[in-house]
C-alpha atoms as a PDB file:
ATOM      1  CA  GLY A   1      58.338 -19.536  20.282  1.00  0.00           C
ATOM      2  CA  GLN A   2      59.334 -16.344  22.022  1.00  0.00           C
ATOM      3  CA  PHE A   3      55.841 -15.909  23.472  1.00  0.00           C
ATOM      4  CA  VAL A   4      53.630 -18.137  25.584  1.00  0.00           C
ATOM      5  CA  PRO A   5      49.916 -17.871  26.304  1.00  0.00           C
ATOM      6  CA  VAL A   6      49.042 -17.003  29.894  1.00  0.00           C
ATOM      7  CA  ILE A   7      45.577 -17.966  31.121  1.00  0.00           C
ATOM      8  CA  ASP A   8      43.930 -15.963  33.890  1.00  0.00           C
ATOM      9  CA  ARG A   9      42.534 -18.667  36.171  1.00  0.00           C
ATOM     10  CA  ASN A  10      40.065 -16.189  37.662  1.00  0.00           C
ATOM     11  CA  ALA A  11      38.526 -15.551  34.251  1.00  0.00           C
ATOM     12  CA  CYS A  12      38.639 -18.844  32.288  1.00  0.00           C
ATOM     13  CA  ASP A  13      35.248 -20.547  31.951  1.00  0.00           C
ATOM     14  CA  ALA A  14      36.372 -23.407  29.668  1.00  0.00           C
ATOM     15  CA  LYS A  15      34.313 -22.371  26.677  1.00  0.00           C
ATOM     16  CA  ALA A  16      37.072 -23.927  24.516  1.00  0.00           C
ATOM     17  CA  ASP A  17      37.192 -21.191  21.885  1.00  0.00           C
ATOM     18  CA  CYS A  18      40.991 -21.198  22.204  1.00  0.00           C
ATOM     19  CA  VAL A  19      41.125 -24.971  21.704  1.00  0.00           C
ATOM     20  CA  VAL A  20      39.076 -24.719  18.529  1.00  0.00           C
ATOM     21  CA  ILE A  21      40.786 -21.693  16.959  1.00  0.00           C
ATOM     22  CA  CYS A  22      44.465 -22.404  17.687  1.00  0.00           C
ATOM     23  CA  PRO A  23      46.182 -23.707  14.531  1.00  0.00           C
ATOM     24  CA  TYR A  24      49.150 -24.959  16.596  1.00  0.00           C
ATOM     25  CA  ASP A  25      47.246 -27.214  19.051  1.00  0.00           C
ATOM     26  CA  VAL A  26      48.493 -25.268  22.057  1.00  0.00           C
ATOM     27  CA  PHE A  27      45.361 -25.673  24.210  1.00  0.00           C
ATOM     28  CA  GLU A  28      43.367 -28.473  25.827  1.00  0.00           C
ATOM     29  CA  LEU A  29      40.541 -28.496  28.330  1.00  0.00           C
ATOM     30  CA  GLY A  30      41.290 -30.032  31.694  1.00  0.00           C
ATOM     31  CA  PHE A  31      40.496 -29.735  35.381  1.00  0.00           C
ATOM     32  CA  LEU A  32      42.064 -27.175  37.692  1.00  0.00           C
ATOM     33  CA  PRO A  33      43.870 -29.097  40.456  1.00  0.00           C
ATOM     34  CA  PRO A  34      42.882 -28.352  44.065  1.00  0.00           C
ATOM     35  CA  GLU A  35      46.255 -26.781  44.872  1.00  0.00           C
ATOM     36  CA  GLU A  36      45.685 -24.143  42.161  1.00  0.00           C
ATOM     37  CA  ARG A  37      42.186 -23.260  43.391  1.00  0.00           C
ATOM     38  CA  GLN A  38      43.344 -21.718  46.661  1.00  0.00           C
ATOM     39  CA  GLY A  39      44.417 -18.361  45.200  1.00  0.00           C
ATOM     40  CA  LEU A  40      41.259 -17.775  43.178  1.00  0.00           C
ATOM     41  CA  ARG A  41      38.896 -14.915  43.915  1.00  0.00           C
ATOM     42  CA  THR A  42      35.551 -15.813  45.484  1.00  0.00           C
ATOM     43  CA  LEU A  43      33.528 -15.454  42.273  1.00  0.00           C
ATOM     44  CA  ALA A  44      36.023 -17.630  40.380  1.00  0.00           C
ATOM     45  CA  LYS A  45      35.743 -20.313  43.081  1.00  0.00           C
ATOM     46  CA  ILE A  46      31.958 -20.295  42.792  1.00  0.00           C
ATOM     47  CA  LYS A  47      32.064 -20.484  38.981  1.00  0.00           C
ATOM     48  CA  GLY A  48      34.735 -23.177  39.185  1.00  0.00           C
ATOM     49  CA  PHE A  49      32.684 -25.298  41.559  1.00  0.00           C
ATOM     50  CA  ILE A  50      29.568 -24.973  39.408  1.00  0.00           C
ATOM     51  CA  GLY A  51      31.533 -25.747  36.228  1.00  0.00           C
ATOM     52  CA  GLY A  52      33.321 -28.744  37.712  1.00  0.00           C
ATOM     53  CA  TRP A  53      36.668 -26.890  37.769  1.00  0.00           C
ATOM     54  CA  LYS A  54      37.048 -27.283  34.015  1.00  0.00           C
ATOM     55  CA  GLN A  55      39.434 -24.797  32.377  1.00  0.00           C
ATOM     56  CA  SER A  56      41.698 -24.366  29.381  1.00  0.00           C
ATOM     57  CA  PHE A  57      45.399 -25.193  29.646  1.00  0.00           C
ATOM     58  CA  ALA A  58      48.304 -24.320  27.355  1.00  0.00           C
ATOM     59  CA  VAL A  59      49.648 -27.879  27.321  1.00  0.00           C
ATOM     60  CA  ASN A  60      51.772 -27.270  24.233  1.00  0.00           C
ATOM     61  CA  ALA A  61      52.905 -23.692  24.933  1.00  0.00           C
ATOM     62  CA  ASP A  62      56.224 -24.243  23.133  1.00  0.00           C
ATOM     63  CA  ALA A  63      54.299 -24.514  19.865  1.00  0.00           C
ATOM     64  CA  CYS A  64      52.782 -21.035  20.266  1.00  0.00           C
ATOM     65  CA  GLN A  65      53.593 -18.722  17.343  1.00  0.00           C
ATOM     66  CA  ALA A  66      52.012 -15.637  18.958  1.00  0.00           C
ATOM     67  CA  CYS A  67      49.397 -15.275  16.237  1.00  0.00           C
ATOM     68  CA  GLY A  68      46.943 -13.883  18.800  1.00  0.00           C
ATOM     69  CA  LEU A  69      43.924 -15.842  17.582  1.00  0.00           C
ATOM     70  CA  CYS A  70      43.338 -17.262  21.068  1.00  0.00           C
ATOM     71  CA  VAL A  71      43.455 -13.800  22.632  1.00  0.00           C
ATOM     72  CA  GLN A  72      40.839 -12.536  20.180  1.00  0.00           C
ATOM     73  CA  ALA A  73      38.628 -15.625  20.451  1.00  0.00           C
ATOM     74  CA  CYS A  74      38.431 -15.866  24.244  1.00  0.00           C
ATOM     75  CA  PRO A  75      35.016 -14.497  25.318  1.00  0.00           C
ATOM     76  CA  GLU A  76      36.274 -13.926  28.878  1.00  0.00           C
ATOM     77  CA  LYS A  77      39.471 -12.167  27.730  1.00  0.00           C
ATOM     78  CA  ALA A  78      41.328 -14.670  29.929  1.00  0.00           C
ATOM     79  CA  ILE A  79      44.339 -15.130  27.620  1.00  0.00           C
ATOM     80  CA  THR A  80      47.317 -12.877  27.125  1.00  0.00           C
ATOM     81  CA  LEU A  81      50.630 -13.470  25.397  1.00  0.00           C
ATOM     82  CA  ALA A  82      53.785 -13.003  27.440  1.00  0.00           C
ATOM     83  CA  ARG A  83      57.455 -13.032  26.486  1.00  0.00           C
ATOM     84  CA  ARG A  84      59.357 -16.068  27.672  1.00  0.00           C
END
């Protein structure tokens, strides 16, 4: 697609609404690697530690059709769509 989902690592709490709602199987839950944790804000680091660093990932971003369902479904408003 011409658009890809971008996940704000400071906001994602791995509630998996995007995984459930996406008709194109773009998202999966996974664990944020240590090298990606360094740039997080303090509150995000605390929430990440408590939540076991679980977050959503756009593992199949090429399949995104920019329908926007993930953007609407995310309770943290952590997903945006960006042009490639």
